[in-house]
Amino acid sequence: MRFRLVPLEGGNAIELSRDLTVVGRKEDCDLRLDHKSISKFHCVIVKSENTLLIRDLGSTNGTVVNGKKIRRATLKNNDCLNIANLPFRIQISTGDAVEKKPQFEGTIQINNRDVEPDDKNDDDKNSDSFNINNKDVVQNNDLPDSYPTNN
């Protein structure tokens, strides 16, 4: 199985090649996201057979799966994942498909200039925050541990 994070604001897909990937702003992290909204050690993503598990590490701006703030969750194919203000889509595929081999394995760094939007105005639909549409269908994850929401 291949597990990837596809940035929704553009950029290359990130291959999750390790069994355990620590995500955060600190240089020691396996996946380094250099953005002010990301905590030093934000979350951990674990591969377990054909499944991805995610656990928030007490981050300041939280981790959101399909519009729901979570402490831990199971990630499924095409789930929407927000690590603080950075949106990703989960891509899970079998290894049978012919795909390009990742350029590198190890720590990946994303700089501010890669993720921060340009000047904003009222007509600009791009935003560095995640907007939840209450009409969207939310897919429940296997692990029910979540924060209550005020709607």
C-alpha atoms as a PDB file:
ATOM      1  CA  MET A   1       0.000   0.000   0.000  1.00  0.00           C
ATOM      2  CA  ARG A   2       1.085   3.558  -0.739  1.00  0.00           C
ATOM      3  CA  PHE A   3       0.091   6.386   1.574  1.00  0.00           C
ATOM      4  CA  ARG A   4       0.363  10.020   0.474  1.00  0.00           C
ATOM      5  CA  LEU A   5      -0.645  13.481   1.654  1.00  0.00           C
ATOM      6  CA  VAL A   6      -1.749  15.638  -1.273  1.00  0.00           C
ATOM      7  CA  PRO A   7      -1.573  19.384  -0.484  1.00  0.00           C
ATOM      8  CA  LEU A   8      -4.841  21.055  -1.505  1.00  0.00           C
ATOM      9  CA  GLU A   9      -3.145  24.439  -1.952  1.00  0.00           C
ATOM     10  CA  GLY A  10      -0.749  23.048  -4.552  1.00  0.00           C
ATOM     11  CA  GLY A  11       2.615  21.399  -4.394  1.00  0.00           C
ATOM     12  CA  ASN A  12       3.942  17.868  -4.665  1.00  0.00           C
ATOM     13  CA  ALA A  13       2.303  14.929  -2.927  1.00  0.00           C
ATOM     14  CA  ILE A  14       4.136  13.778   0.188  1.00  0.00           C
ATOM     15  CA  GLU A  15       4.890  10.056   0.372  1.00  0.00           C
ATOM     16  CA  LEU A  16       4.461   8.585   3.855  1.00  0.00           C
ATOM     17  CA  SER A  17       7.162   5.930   3.611  1.00  0.00           C
ATOM     18  CA  ARG A  18       7.899   5.465   7.325  1.00  0.00           C
ATOM     19  CA  ASP A  19       5.842   3.363   9.718  1.00  0.00           C
ATOM     20  CA  LEU A  20       5.682   6.339  12.097  1.00  0.00           C
ATOM     21  CA  THR A  21       5.867   9.953  10.856  1.00  0.00           C
ATOM     22  CA  VAL A  22       6.135  12.844  13.313  1.00  0.00           C
ATOM     23  CA  VAL A  23       4.700  16.026  11.771  1.00  0.00           C
ATOM     24  CA  GLY A  24       5.595  19.484  13.057  1.00  0.00           C
ATOM     25  CA  ARG A  25       7.543  22.702  12.700  1.00  0.00           C
ATOM     26  CA  LYS A  26      10.679  21.533  14.538  1.00  0.00           C
ATOM     27  CA  GLU A  27      13.732  20.368  12.591  1.00  0.00           C
ATOM     28  CA  ASP A  28      13.643  16.969  14.362  1.00  0.00           C
ATOM     29  CA  CYS A  29      10.284  16.083  12.757  1.00  0.00           C
ATOM     30  CA  ASP A  30      10.067  13.516   9.956  1.00  0.00           C
ATOM     31  CA  LEU A  31       7.685  15.793   8.040  1.00  0.00           C
ATOM     32  CA  ARG A  32       8.593  19.421   8.695  1.00  0.00           C
ATOM     33  CA  LEU A  33       5.904  21.995   7.889  1.00  0.00           C
ATOM     34  CA  ASP A  34       7.472  25.427   8.355  1.00  0.00           C
ATOM     35  CA  HIS A  35       4.321  27.450   8.940  1.00  0.00           C
ATOM     36  CA  LYS A  36       3.390  29.636  11.910  1.00  0.00           C
ATOM     37  CA  SER A  37       0.138  27.718  12.548  1.00  0.00           C
ATOM     38  CA  ILE A  38       1.946  24.365  12.978  1.00  0.00           C
ATOM     39  CA  SER A  39       3.111  23.328  16.463  1.00  0.00           C
ATOM     40  CA  LYS A  40       6.704  22.182  17.015  1.00  0.00           C
ATOM     41  CA  PHE A  41       5.452  18.593  17.378  1.00  0.00           C
ATOM     42  CA  HIS A  42       1.945  18.763  15.925  1.00  0.00           C
ATOM     43  CA  CYS A  43       0.787  15.204  15.227  1.00  0.00           C
ATOM     44  CA  VAL A  44       1.970  11.693  14.489  1.00  0.00           C
ATOM     45  CA  ILE A  45       0.833   9.519  11.574  1.00  0.00           C
ATOM     46  CA  VAL A  46       1.209   5.752  11.937  1.00  0.00           C
ATOM     47  CA  LYS A  47       0.942   3.125   9.195  1.00  0.00           C
ATOM     48  CA  SER A  48      -0.694  -0.054  10.468  1.00  0.00           C
ATOM     49  CA  GLU A  49      -1.007  -2.711   7.735  1.00  0.00           C
ATOM     50  CA  ASN A  50      -3.489  -1.141   5.262  1.00  0.00           C
ATOM     51  CA  THR A  51      -4.550   1.695   7.561  1.00  0.00           C
ATOM     52  CA  LEU A  52      -3.323   5.157   8.535  1.00  0.00           C
ATOM     53  CA  LEU A  53      -3.827   6.344  12.101  1.00  0.00           C
ATOM     54  CA  ILE A  54      -3.309   9.933  13.223  1.00  0.00           C
ATOM     55  CA  ARG A  55      -2.949  11.388  16.712  1.00  0.00           C
ATOM     56  CA  ASP A  56      -2.769  15.067  17.608  1.00  0.00           C
ATOM     57  CA  LEU A  57       0.085  15.737  20.049  1.00  0.00           C
ATOM     58  CA  GLY A  58      -1.693  18.518  21.957  1.00  0.00           C
ATOM     59  CA  SER A  59      -1.120  21.056  19.209  1.00  0.00           C
ATOM     60  CA  THR A  60      -2.250  24.671  19.581  1.00  0.00           C
ATOM     61  CA  ASN A  61      -4.272  24.886  16.345  1.00  0.00           C
ATOM     62  CA  GLY A  62      -5.464  21.293  16.222  1.00  0.00           C
ATOM     63  CA  THR A  63      -5.871  18.563  13.660  1.00  0.00           C
ATOM     64  CA  VAL A  64      -9.103  18.274  11.653  1.00  0.00           C
ATOM     65  CA  VAL A  65     -10.352  15.236   9.714  1.00  0.00           C
ATOM     66  CA  ASN A  66     -13.344  15.773   7.411  1.00  0.00           C
ATOM     67  CA  GLY A  67     -14.329  18.957   9.235  1.00  0.00           C
ATOM     68  CA  LYS A  68     -14.135  17.448  12.722  1.00  0.00           C
ATOM     69  CA  LYS A  69     -11.411  18.394  15.221  1.00  0.00           C
ATOM     70  CA  ILE A  70      -9.829  15.183  16.489  1.00  0.00           C
ATOM     71  CA  ARG A  71      -7.368  13.897  19.056  1.00  0.00           C
ATOM     72  CA  ARG A  72      -6.974  10.609  17.185  1.00  0.00           C
ATOM     73  CA  ALA A  73      -8.593   9.090  14.116  1.00  0.00           C
ATOM     74  CA  THR A  74      -8.330   6.521  11.360  1.00  0.00           C
ATOM     75  CA  LEU A  75      -7.612   8.088   7.976  1.00  0.00           C
ATOM     76  CA  LYS A  76      -9.314   6.678   4.913  1.00  0.00           C
ATOM     77  CA  ASN A  77      -8.709   7.259   1.211  1.00  0.00           C
ATOM     78  CA  ASN A  78      -9.844  10.761   0.108  1.00  0.00           C
ATOM     79  CA  ASP A  79     -10.307  12.005   3.685  1.00  0.00           C
ATOM     80  CA  CYS A  80      -9.672  15.735   4.113  1.00  0.00           C
ATOM     81  CA  LEU A  81      -6.967  16.398   6.685  1.00  0.00           C
ATOM     82  CA  ASN A  82      -6.120  19.819   8.057  1.00  0.00           C
ATOM     83  CA  ILE A  83      -2.908  20.056  10.032  1.00  0.00           C
ATOM     84  CA  ALA A  84      -3.591  23.423  11.672  1.00  0.00           C
ATOM     85  CA  ASN A  85      -4.296  25.692   8.669  1.00  0.00           C
ATOM     86  CA  LEU A  86      -2.716  23.457   6.008  1.00  0.00           C
ATOM     87  CA  PRO A  87      -5.231  21.310   4.074  1.00  0.00           C
ATOM     88  CA  PHE A  88      -4.361  17.890   2.630  1.00  0.00           C
ATOM     89  CA  ARG A  89      -6.215  15.011   1.007  1.00  0.00           C
ATOM     90  CA  ILE A  90      -5.337  11.443   1.989  1.00  0.00           C
ATOM     91  CA  GLN A  91      -4.426   9.187  -0.914  1.00  0.00           C
ATOM     92  CA  ILE A  92      -4.193   5.444  -0.293  1.00  0.00           C
ATOM     93  CA  SER A  93      -3.446   3.193  -3.247  1.00  0.00           C
ATOM     94  CA  THR A  94      -2.163  -0.295  -3.914  1.00  0.00           C
ATOM     95  CA  GLY A  95       1.469  -0.651  -4.867  1.00  0.00           C
ATOM     96  CA  ASP A  96       0.443  -2.368  -8.142  1.00  0.00           C
ATOM     97  CA  ALA A  97      -0.148   0.922  -9.960  1.00  0.00           C
ATOM     98  CA  VAL A  98       2.816   2.243 -11.911  1.00  0.00           C
ATOM     99  CA  GLU A  99       3.730   5.526 -10.280  1.00  0.00           C
ATOM    100  CA  LYS A 100       6.837   7.648 -10.074  1.00  0.00           C
ATOM    101  CA  LYS A 101       9.199   6.739  -7.268  1.00  0.00           C
ATOM    102  CA  PRO A 102       9.483   9.522  -4.661  1.00  0.00           C
ATOM    103  CA  GLN A 103      12.404  11.857  -5.240  1.00  0.00           C
ATOM    104  CA  PHE A 104      13.687  11.341  -1.716  1.00  0.00           C
ATOM    105  CA  GLU A 105      12.884   9.704   1.586  1.00  0.00           C
ATOM    106  CA  GLY A 106      13.280  11.326   4.976  1.00  0.00           C
ATOM    107  CA  THR A 107      12.539  14.735   6.392  1.00  0.00           C
ATOM    108  CA  ILE A 108      10.538  17.001   4.106  1.00  0.00           C
ATOM    109  CA  GLN A 109      10.543  20.750   4.645  1.00  0.00           C
ATOM    110  CA  ILE A 110       7.813  23.069   3.406  1.00  0.00           C
ATOM    111  CA  ASN A 111       8.671  26.760   3.660  1.00  0.00           C
ATOM    112  CA  ASN A 112       6.280  29.641   4.399  1.00  0.00           C
ATOM    113  CA  ARG A 113       6.501  30.886   0.826  1.00  0.00           C
ATOM    114  CA  ASP A 114       5.181  27.518  -0.365  1.00  0.00           C
ATOM    115  CA  VAL A 115       1.978  27.628   1.691  1.00  0.00           C
ATOM    116  CA  GLU A 116       1.006  31.196   2.551  1.00  0.00           C
ATOM    117  CA  PRO A 117      -1.537  32.773   0.186  1.00  0.00           C
ATOM    118  CA  ASP A 118      -0.892  36.092  -1.566  1.00  0.00           C
ATOM    119  CA  ASP A 119      -2.670  39.316  -0.570  1.00  0.00           C
ATOM    120  CA  LYS A 120      -6.276  38.637   0.357  1.00  0.00           C
ATOM    121  CA  ASN A 121      -9.341  40.561  -0.700  1.00  0.00           C
ATOM    122  CA  ASP A 122     -13.078  39.966  -0.477  1.00  0.00           C
ATOM    123  CA  ASP A 123     -13.210  38.295  -3.899  1.00  0.00           C
ATOM    124  CA  ASP A 124     -10.366  35.893  -3.100  1.00  0.00           C
ATOM    125  CA  LYS A 125     -11.623  32.401  -2.293  1.00  0.00           C
ATOM    126  CA  ASN A 126      -8.178  31.225  -1.131  1.00  0.00           C
ATOM    127  CA  SER A 127      -7.720  31.283   2.604  1.00  0.00           C
ATOM    128  CA  ASP A 128      -5.198  29.934   5.076  1.00  0.00           C
ATOM    129  CA  SER A 129      -8.004  28.679   7.304  1.00  0.00           C
ATOM    130  CA  PHE A 130     -10.383  25.787   6.818  1.00  0.00           C
ATOM    131  CA  ASN A 131     -14.042  26.604   6.229  1.00  0.00           C
ATOM    132  CA  ILE A 132     -16.534  23.948   7.260  1.00  0.00           C
ATOM    133  CA  ASN A 133     -19.712  23.648   5.232  1.00  0.00           C
ATOM    134  CA  ASN A 134     -22.407  22.157   7.469  1.00  0.00           C
ATOM    135  CA  LYS A 135     -24.108  20.679   4.380  1.00  0.00           C
ATOM    136  CA  ASP A 136     -21.043  18.516   3.603  1.00  0.00           C
ATOM    137  CA  VAL A 137     -21.326  14.837   4.353  1.00  0.00           C
ATOM    138  CA  VAL A 138     -18.912  13.911   7.119  1.00  0.00           C
ATOM    139  CA  GLN A 139     -17.595  10.366   7.166  1.00  0.00           C
ATOM    140  CA  ASN A 140     -17.199   8.961  10.671  1.00  0.00           C
ATOM    141  CA  ASN A 141     -13.833   7.499  11.585  1.00  0.00           C
ATOM    142  CA  ASP A 142     -13.346   4.281  13.519  1.00  0.00           C
ATOM    143  CA  LEU A 143     -11.936   6.065  16.575  1.00  0.00           C
ATOM    144  CA  PRO A 144     -14.665   8.242  18.136  1.00  0.00           C
ATOM    145  CA  ASP A 145     -12.386  10.337  20.394  1.00  0.00           C
ATOM    146  CA  SER A 146     -13.199  13.911  19.307  1.00  0.00           C
ATOM    147  CA  TYR A 147     -13.721  17.354  20.700  1.00  0.00           C
ATOM    148  CA  PRO A 148     -17.300  18.649  21.047  1.00  0.00           C
ATOM    149  CA  THR A 149     -18.301  21.292  18.510  1.00  0.00           C
ATOM    150  CA  ASN A 150     -20.500  24.331  18.979  1.00  0.00           C
ATOM    151  CA  ASN A 151     -22.934  24.572  16.065  1.00  0.00           C
END
